[in-house]
Amino acid sequence: MGVVIVGGHDRMVAQYKKICKSYKCKVKVFTHMGADFNKQIGCPDLLVLFTNTVSHKMVRCALDEIDGKHTDVVRCHTSSGNALTGILENCFAN
């Protein structure tokens, strides 16, 4: 399962990757919007938006890139490790 995380804190990137790895997911984490951000997203199975720590422009860009693809989108106000664990638990429970 491919996961893309948009937002969050720089210091949490390693923890996000560790949590996703424990669920056997490949993960890409974007805490800042780079020049070619929209080309790096790809076609993930799950897009996690940490809405408290991300700009509206970055959210729009991410959503525009996955528009029309079979990607689940989860928006979460909290960007903690526990929040990500809960999101992944819900995705694998369904």
N, C-alpha and C. Protein backbone atom coordinates (compact mmCIF):
# COMPACT_ATOMS: atom_id res chain seq x y z
N MET A 1 0.85 -1.17 0.00
CA MET A 1 0.00 0.00 0.00
C MET A 1 0.90 1.24 0.00
N GLY A 2 0.61 2.17 -0.86
CA GLY A 2 1.37 3.41 -0.94
C GLY A 2 0.67 4.52 -0.19
N VAL A 3 1.41 5.24 0.63
CA VAL A 3 0.86 6.32 1.43
C VAL A 3 1.66 7.59 1.16
N VAL A 4 0.96 8.70 0.98
CA VAL A 4 1.60 10.01 0.87
C VAL A 4 1.07 10.86 2.02
N ILE A 5 2.00 11.43 2.78
CA ILE A 5 1.64 12.30 3.89
C ILE A 5 2.02 13.72 3.51
N VAL A 6 1.04 14.61 3.57
CA VAL A 6 1.27 16.02 3.25
C VAL A 6 1.05 16.83 4.52
N GLY A 7 2.08 17.54 4.94
CA GLY A 7 2.02 18.32 6.16
C GLY A 7 2.78 17.62 7.27
N GLY A 8 2.54 18.03 8.48
CA GLY A 8 3.26 17.46 9.61
C GLY A 8 4.48 18.29 9.95
N HIS A 9 5.23 17.80 10.91
CA HIS A 9 6.42 18.50 11.38
C HIS A 9 7.68 17.83 10.86
N ASP A 10 8.70 18.63 10.58
CA ASP A 10 9.97 18.10 10.09
C ASP A 10 10.56 17.08 11.04
N ARG A 11 10.48 17.35 12.33
CA ARG A 11 11.09 16.46 13.32
C ARG A 11 10.37 15.12 13.44
N MET A 12 9.17 15.02 12.86
CA MET A 12 8.38 13.80 12.96
C MET A 12 8.50 12.90 11.72
N VAL A 13 9.21 13.32 10.71
CA VAL A 13 9.28 12.57 9.45
C VAL A 13 9.77 11.14 9.68
N ALA A 14 10.83 10.97 10.45
CA ALA A 14 11.36 9.62 10.70
C ALA A 14 10.33 8.77 11.43
N GLN A 15 9.58 9.35 12.35
CA GLN A 15 8.56 8.60 13.07
C GLN A 15 7.40 8.22 12.15
N TYR A 16 6.98 9.14 11.27
CA TYR A 16 5.93 8.83 10.30
C TYR A 16 6.34 7.63 9.45
N LYS A 17 7.59 7.64 8.97
CA LYS A 17 8.07 6.55 8.13
C LYS A 17 8.13 5.24 8.91
N LYS A 18 8.54 5.29 10.16
CA LYS A 18 8.62 4.09 11.00
C LYS A 18 7.22 3.50 11.23
N ILE A 19 6.25 4.36 11.49
CA ILE A 19 4.87 3.90 11.71
C ILE A 19 4.33 3.24 10.45
N CYS A 20 4.53 3.88 9.29
CA CYS A 20 4.04 3.31 8.03
C CYS A 20 4.74 2.00 7.71
N LYS A 21 6.01 1.92 8.00
CA LYS A 21 6.77 0.69 7.75
C LYS A 21 6.23 -0.46 8.61
N SER A 22 5.79 -0.16 9.83
CA SER A 22 5.24 -1.20 10.69
C SER A 22 3.93 -1.76 10.13
N TYR A 23 3.25 -0.99 9.28
CA TYR A 23 2.04 -1.46 8.60
C TYR A 23 2.33 -1.96 7.18
N LYS A 24 3.60 -2.12 6.88
CA LYS A 24 4.06 -2.60 5.57
C LYS A 24 3.59 -1.69 4.44
N CYS A 25 3.71 -0.38 4.65
CA CYS A 25 3.33 0.62 3.65
C CYS A 25 4.57 1.33 3.15
N LYS A 26 4.56 1.65 1.86
CA LYS A 26 5.58 2.54 1.31
C LYS A 26 5.06 3.95 1.53
N VAL A 27 5.95 4.85 1.93
CA VAL A 27 5.49 6.18 2.31
C VAL A 27 6.38 7.26 1.71
N LYS A 28 5.73 8.38 1.35
CA LYS A 28 6.42 9.61 0.98
C LYS A 28 5.86 10.69 1.90
N VAL A 29 6.76 11.50 2.46
CA VAL A 29 6.34 12.55 3.39
C VAL A 29 6.77 13.90 2.82
N PHE A 30 5.83 14.83 2.74
CA PHE A 30 6.11 16.18 2.26
C PHE A 30 5.68 17.17 3.33
N THR A 31 6.65 17.78 4.01
CA THR A 31 6.32 18.78 5.02
C THR A 31 6.38 20.19 4.44
N HIS A 32 7.07 20.34 3.32
CA HIS A 32 7.17 21.63 2.64
C HIS A 32 6.89 21.43 1.15
N MET A 33 6.42 22.47 0.51
CA MET A 33 6.10 22.39 -0.92
C MET A 33 7.33 22.75 -1.74
N GLY A 34 7.87 21.76 -2.41
CA GLY A 34 9.01 21.98 -3.29
C GLY A 34 8.57 22.45 -4.66
N ALA A 35 9.52 22.71 -5.51
CA ALA A 35 9.23 23.23 -6.85
C ALA A 35 8.42 22.24 -7.68
N ASP A 36 8.75 20.96 -7.61
CA ASP A 36 8.05 19.95 -8.41
C ASP A 36 7.22 19.02 -7.53
N PHE A 37 6.59 19.58 -6.51
CA PHE A 37 5.80 18.82 -5.55
C PHE A 37 4.73 17.97 -6.23
N ASN A 38 3.98 18.57 -7.16
CA ASN A 38 2.88 17.85 -7.80
C ASN A 38 3.35 16.65 -8.62
N LYS A 39 4.58 16.68 -9.12
CA LYS A 39 5.10 15.57 -9.92
C LYS A 39 5.63 14.43 -9.04
N GLN A 40 5.86 14.70 -7.76
CA GLN A 40 6.42 13.70 -6.86
C GLN A 40 5.36 12.87 -6.15
N ILE A 41 4.12 13.30 -6.17
CA ILE A 41 3.07 12.61 -5.42
C ILE A 41 2.80 11.22 -5.98
N GLY A 42 2.68 11.10 -7.27
CA GLY A 42 2.42 9.80 -7.87
C GLY A 42 0.96 9.40 -7.73
N CYS A 43 0.72 8.09 -7.56
CA CYS A 43 -0.64 7.56 -7.45
C CYS A 43 -0.74 6.69 -6.20
N PRO A 44 -0.83 7.31 -5.02
CA PRO A 44 -0.86 6.53 -3.78
C PRO A 44 -2.23 5.90 -3.54
N ASP A 45 -2.26 4.92 -2.66
CA ASP A 45 -3.53 4.33 -2.23
C ASP A 45 -4.21 5.20 -1.18
N LEU A 46 -3.39 5.93 -0.42
CA LEU A 46 -3.91 6.77 0.67
C LEU A 46 -3.16 8.09 0.71
N LEU A 47 -3.90 9.18 0.78
CA LEU A 47 -3.32 10.52 0.95
C LEU A 47 -3.75 11.04 2.31
N VAL A 48 -2.78 11.31 3.17
CA VAL A 48 -3.05 11.85 4.50
C VAL A 48 -2.68 13.33 4.51
N LEU A 49 -3.65 14.17 4.84
CA LEU A 49 -3.43 15.61 4.92
C LEU A 49 -3.49 16.03 6.38
N PHE A 50 -2.37 16.47 6.92
CA PHE A 50 -2.33 17.03 8.27
C PHE A 50 -2.64 18.52 8.13
N THR A 51 -3.90 18.87 8.29
CA THR A 51 -4.39 20.19 7.91
C THR A 51 -3.89 21.33 8.79
N ASN A 52 -3.46 21.05 10.00
CA ASN A 52 -3.01 22.12 10.88
C ASN A 52 -1.64 22.66 10.49
N THR A 53 -0.84 21.86 9.79
CA THR A 53 0.54 22.25 9.51
C THR A 53 0.84 22.34 8.02
N VAL A 54 -0.17 22.60 7.21
CA VAL A 54 0.04 22.64 5.77
C VAL A 54 -0.72 23.84 5.18
N SER A 55 -0.16 24.41 4.12
CA SER A 55 -0.80 25.57 3.49
C SER A 55 -1.97 25.13 2.60
N HIS A 56 -2.89 26.05 2.40
CA HIS A 56 -4.03 25.76 1.52
C HIS A 56 -3.56 25.47 0.10
N LYS A 57 -2.53 26.16 -0.33
CA LYS A 57 -2.00 25.96 -1.68
C LYS A 57 -1.46 24.54 -1.84
N MET A 58 -0.78 24.04 -0.83
CA MET A 58 -0.22 22.69 -0.88
C MET A 58 -1.33 21.63 -0.88
N VAL A 59 -2.38 21.87 -0.12
CA VAL A 59 -3.53 20.95 -0.09
C VAL A 59 -4.20 20.92 -1.46
N ARG A 60 -4.45 22.10 -2.04
CA ARG A 60 -5.08 22.16 -3.37
C ARG A 60 -4.23 21.45 -4.41
N CYS A 61 -2.93 21.66 -4.37
CA CYS A 61 -2.02 21.04 -5.33
C CYS A 61 -2.07 19.51 -5.20
N ALA A 62 -2.05 19.01 -3.98
CA ALA A 62 -2.08 17.56 -3.75
C ALA A 62 -3.41 16.97 -4.22
N LEU A 63 -4.51 17.64 -3.90
CA LEU A 63 -5.83 17.13 -4.29
C LEU A 63 -6.03 17.20 -5.80
N ASP A 64 -5.51 18.23 -6.44
CA ASP A 64 -5.60 18.33 -7.90
C ASP A 64 -4.81 17.22 -8.57
N GLU A 65 -3.68 16.86 -8.00
CA GLU A 65 -2.83 15.84 -8.61
C GLU A 65 -3.47 14.45 -8.53
N ILE A 66 -4.19 14.14 -7.46
CA ILE A 66 -4.78 12.81 -7.34
C ILE A 66 -6.22 12.77 -7.83
N ASP A 67 -6.75 13.89 -8.31
CA ASP A 67 -8.13 13.96 -8.78
C ASP A 67 -8.38 12.93 -9.88
N GLY A 68 -9.41 12.14 -9.71
CA GLY A 68 -9.77 11.15 -10.71
C GLY A 68 -9.05 9.82 -10.53
N LYS A 69 -8.13 9.74 -9.62
CA LYS A 69 -7.43 8.48 -9.35
C LYS A 69 -8.11 7.80 -8.17
N HIS A 70 -7.84 6.54 -7.99
CA HIS A 70 -8.46 5.77 -6.91
C HIS A 70 -7.63 5.90 -5.64
N THR A 71 -7.69 7.06 -5.04
CA THR A 71 -6.92 7.36 -3.83
C THR A 71 -7.86 7.79 -2.73
N ASP A 72 -7.74 7.15 -1.56
CA ASP A 72 -8.50 7.58 -0.39
C ASP A 72 -7.82 8.79 0.22
N VAL A 73 -8.60 9.78 0.63
CA VAL A 73 -8.06 10.99 1.23
C VAL A 73 -8.56 11.08 2.66
N VAL A 74 -7.61 11.26 3.59
CA VAL A 74 -7.95 11.42 5.00
C VAL A 74 -7.37 12.75 5.46
N ARG A 75 -8.23 13.59 6.03
CA ARG A 75 -7.79 14.87 6.57
C ARG A 75 -7.79 14.76 8.09
N CYS A 76 -6.71 15.20 8.69
CA CYS A 76 -6.57 15.11 10.14
C CYS A 76 -5.97 16.43 10.64
N HIS A 77 -6.58 17.00 11.67
CA HIS A 77 -6.10 18.27 12.21
C HIS A 77 -4.81 18.08 13.02
N THR A 78 -4.67 16.93 13.65
CA THR A 78 -3.51 16.66 14.49
C THR A 78 -2.46 15.92 13.69
N SER A 79 -1.20 16.30 13.83
CA SER A 79 -0.13 15.66 13.05
C SER A 79 0.77 14.81 13.95
N SER A 80 0.18 14.14 14.93
CA SER A 80 0.96 13.31 15.85
C SER A 80 1.12 11.89 15.30
N GLY A 81 2.03 11.17 15.91
CA GLY A 81 2.23 9.78 15.55
C GLY A 81 1.00 8.94 15.87
N ASN A 82 0.34 9.25 16.98
CA ASN A 82 -0.88 8.52 17.36
C ASN A 82 -2.00 8.75 16.36
N ALA A 83 -2.09 9.96 15.82
CA ALA A 83 -3.11 10.25 14.82
C ALA A 83 -2.86 9.43 13.56
N LEU A 84 -1.59 9.34 13.13
CA LEU A 84 -1.26 8.55 11.95
C LEU A 84 -1.53 7.07 12.19
N THR A 85 -1.20 6.58 13.37
CA THR A 85 -1.48 5.19 13.71
C THR A 85 -2.98 4.91 13.65
N GLY A 86 -3.78 5.81 14.17
CA GLY A 86 -5.24 5.66 14.11
C GLY A 86 -5.76 5.65 12.69
N ILE A 87 -5.22 6.51 11.85
CA ILE A 87 -5.63 6.55 10.43
C ILE A 87 -5.32 5.23 9.75
N LEU A 88 -4.12 4.72 9.96
CA LEU A 88 -3.73 3.47 9.33
C LEU A 88 -4.54 2.29 9.88
N GLU A 89 -4.84 2.31 11.18
CA GLU A 89 -5.69 1.26 11.79
C GLU A 89 -7.06 1.25 11.10
N ASN A 90 -7.65 2.43 10.91
CA ASN A 90 -8.96 2.51 10.26
C ASN A 90 -8.90 2.05 8.82
N CYS A 91 -7.84 2.35 8.12
CA CYS A 91 -7.72 1.95 6.72
C CYS A 91 -7.58 0.44 6.59
N PHE A 92 -6.84 -0.16 7.48
CA PHE A 92 -6.65 -1.61 7.40
C PHE A 92 -7.81 -2.38 8.01
N ALA A 93 -8.63 -1.73 8.82
CA ALA A 93 -9.80 -2.38 9.40
C ALA A 93 -10.91 -2.53 8.37
N ASN A 94 -10.93 -1.62 7.39
CA ASN A 94 -11.99 -1.65 6.36
C ASN A 94 -11.67 -2.60 5.25
